[in-house]
Amino acid sequence: MQYGMMDGYGMGYGIWGILGLIFWILVIIGLVLLIKYLWEGVGTKREQESALEILKRRYARGDISKEEFEEKKKDLL
């Protein structure tokens, strides 16, 4: 009896190799999605704060009137 790639268990490393590869691919994809989710959460908070700061700067420069400032501020908050 010869033992090689096909040793009576199907395709040798075949099924376990494929399952192992799929497992590690899923782990990597999960980590990438987790990092992306966490990074976007931080970015969203910064964007909300910066929008109000931009509005304040525009009002301070005189680009918009007080009425426009108050209206846009209500929209942001």
C-alpha atoms as a PDB file:
ATOM      1  CA  MET A   1       0.000   0.000   0.000  1.00  0.00           C
ATOM      2  CA  GLN A   2       1.404   3.360  -1.019  1.00  0.00           C
ATOM      3  CA  TYR A   3       0.997   6.451   1.091  1.00  0.00           C
ATOM      4  CA  GLY A   4       1.040   9.719  -0.762  1.00  0.00           C
ATOM      5  CA  MET A   5      -1.285  12.591  -1.333  1.00  0.00           C
ATOM      6  CA  MET A   6      -4.212  10.198  -1.685  1.00  0.00           C
ATOM      7  CA  ASP A   7      -3.926   7.932   1.342  1.00  0.00           C
ATOM      8  CA  GLY A   8      -7.484   6.731   1.867  1.00  0.00           C
ATOM      9  CA  TYR A   9      -8.711   9.852   3.654  1.00  0.00           C
ATOM     10  CA  GLY A  10      -9.862  11.613   0.535  1.00  0.00           C
ATOM     11  CA  MET A  11      -7.405  14.195  -0.724  1.00  0.00           C
ATOM     12  CA  GLY A  12      -4.734  14.233   1.966  1.00  0.00           C
ATOM     13  CA  TYR A  13      -4.474  17.837   3.118  1.00  0.00           C
ATOM     14  CA  GLY A  14      -7.238  18.876   0.721  1.00  0.00           C
ATOM     15  CA  ILE A  15     -10.339  19.353   2.832  1.00  0.00           C
ATOM     16  CA  TRP A  16      -8.526  20.367   6.025  1.00  0.00           C
ATOM     17  CA  GLY A  17      -6.248  22.687   4.107  1.00  0.00           C
ATOM     18  CA  ILE A  18      -9.203  24.366   2.449  1.00  0.00           C
ATOM     19  CA  LEU A  19     -11.124  24.645   5.729  1.00  0.00           C
ATOM     20  CA  GLY A  20      -8.063  26.067   7.471  1.00  0.00           C
ATOM     21  CA  LEU A  21      -7.547  28.573   4.679  1.00  0.00           C
ATOM     22  CA  ILE A  22     -11.210  29.624   4.791  1.00  0.00           C
ATOM     23  CA  PHE A  23     -10.994  29.998   8.570  1.00  0.00           C
ATOM     24  CA  TRP A  24      -7.974  32.330   8.392  1.00  0.00           C
ATOM     25  CA  ILE A  25      -9.508  34.335   5.548  1.00  0.00           C
ATOM     26  CA  LEU A  26     -12.645  34.856   7.665  1.00  0.00           C
ATOM     27  CA  VAL A  27     -10.543  35.867  10.680  1.00  0.00           C
ATOM     28  CA  ILE A  28      -8.642  38.442   8.595  1.00  0.00           C
ATOM     29  CA  ILE A  29     -11.847  39.801   7.048  1.00  0.00           C
ATOM     30  CA  GLY A  30     -13.396  40.066  10.523  1.00  0.00           C
ATOM     31  CA  LEU A  31     -10.401  41.992  11.853  1.00  0.00           C
ATOM     32  CA  VAL A  32     -10.427  44.355   8.878  1.00  0.00           C
ATOM     33  CA  LEU A  33     -14.155  45.032   9.322  1.00  0.00           C
ATOM     34  CA  LEU A  34     -13.721  45.575  13.074  1.00  0.00           C
ATOM     35  CA  ILE A  35     -10.893  48.051  12.534  1.00  0.00           C
ATOM     36  CA  LYS A  36     -12.900  49.838   9.830  1.00  0.00           C
ATOM     37  CA  TYR A  37     -15.966  50.029  12.115  1.00  0.00           C
ATOM     38  CA  LEU A  38     -13.942  51.409  15.021  1.00  0.00           C
ATOM     39  CA  TRP A  39     -12.092  53.888  12.799  1.00  0.00           C
ATOM     40  CA  GLU A  40     -15.341  55.194  11.249  1.00  0.00           C
ATOM     41  CA  GLY A  41     -16.887  55.594  14.695  1.00  0.00           C
ATOM     42  CA  VAL A  42     -14.040  57.873  15.731  1.00  0.00           C
ATOM     43  CA  GLY A  43     -14.215  59.762  12.437  1.00  0.00           C
ATOM     44  CA  THR A  44     -17.961  60.363  12.737  1.00  0.00           C
ATOM     45  CA  LYS A  45     -17.591  62.058  16.108  1.00  0.00           C
ATOM     46  CA  ARG A  46     -14.862  64.311  14.744  1.00  0.00           C
ATOM     47  CA  GLU A  47     -16.979  65.251  11.726  1.00  0.00           C
ATOM     48  CA  GLN A  48     -19.935  66.289  13.894  1.00  0.00           C
ATOM     49  CA  GLU A  49     -17.721  68.452  16.067  1.00  0.00           C
ATOM     50  CA  SER A  50     -15.904  69.955  13.133  1.00  0.00           C
ATOM     51  CA  ALA A  51     -19.156  70.897  11.351  1.00  0.00           C
ATOM     52  CA  LEU A  52     -20.183  73.044  14.311  1.00  0.00           C
ATOM     53  CA  GLU A  53     -16.682  74.516  14.529  1.00  0.00           C
ATOM     54  CA  ILE A  54     -16.766  75.390  10.827  1.00  0.00           C
ATOM     55  CA  LEU A  55     -20.151  77.034  11.296  1.00  0.00           C
ATOM     56  CA  LYS A  56     -18.807  79.070  14.221  1.00  0.00           C
ATOM     57  CA  ARG A  57     -15.805  80.184  12.155  1.00  0.00           C
ATOM     58  CA  ARG A  58     -18.029  81.204   9.237  1.00  0.00           C
ATOM     59  CA  TYR A  59     -20.175  83.269  11.591  1.00  0.00           C
ATOM     60  CA  ALA A  60     -17.104  84.832  13.229  1.00  0.00           C
ATOM     61  CA  ARG A  61     -15.719  85.842   9.806  1.00  0.00           C
ATOM     62  CA  GLY A  62     -19.042  87.381   8.855  1.00  0.00           C
ATOM     63  CA  ASP A  63     -19.756  84.915   6.029  1.00  0.00           C
ATOM     64  CA  ILE A  64     -23.232  84.192   7.415  1.00  0.00           C
ATOM     65  CA  SER A  65     -25.755  86.227   9.379  1.00  0.00           C
ATOM     66  CA  LYS A  66     -26.866  85.499  12.926  1.00  0.00           C
ATOM     67  CA  GLU A  67     -30.186  84.114  11.646  1.00  0.00           C
ATOM     68  CA  GLU A  68     -28.380  81.749   9.257  1.00  0.00           C
ATOM     69  CA  PHE A  69     -26.032  80.708  12.057  1.00  0.00           C
ATOM     70  CA  GLU A  70     -28.896  79.890  14.431  1.00  0.00           C
ATOM     71  CA  GLU A  71     -30.825  78.013  11.720  1.00  0.00           C
ATOM     72  CA  LYS A  72     -27.844  75.907  10.675  1.00  0.00           C
ATOM     73  CA  LYS A  73     -26.895  75.286  14.299  1.00  0.00           C
ATOM     74  CA  LYS A  74     -30.389  73.864  14.953  1.00  0.00           C
ATOM     75  CA  ASP A  75     -29.994  71.605  11.901  1.00  0.00           C
ATOM     76  CA  LEU A  76     -26.669  70.282  13.194  1.00  0.00           C
ATOM     77  CA  LEU A  77     -27.851  69.696  16.734  1.00  0.00           C
END
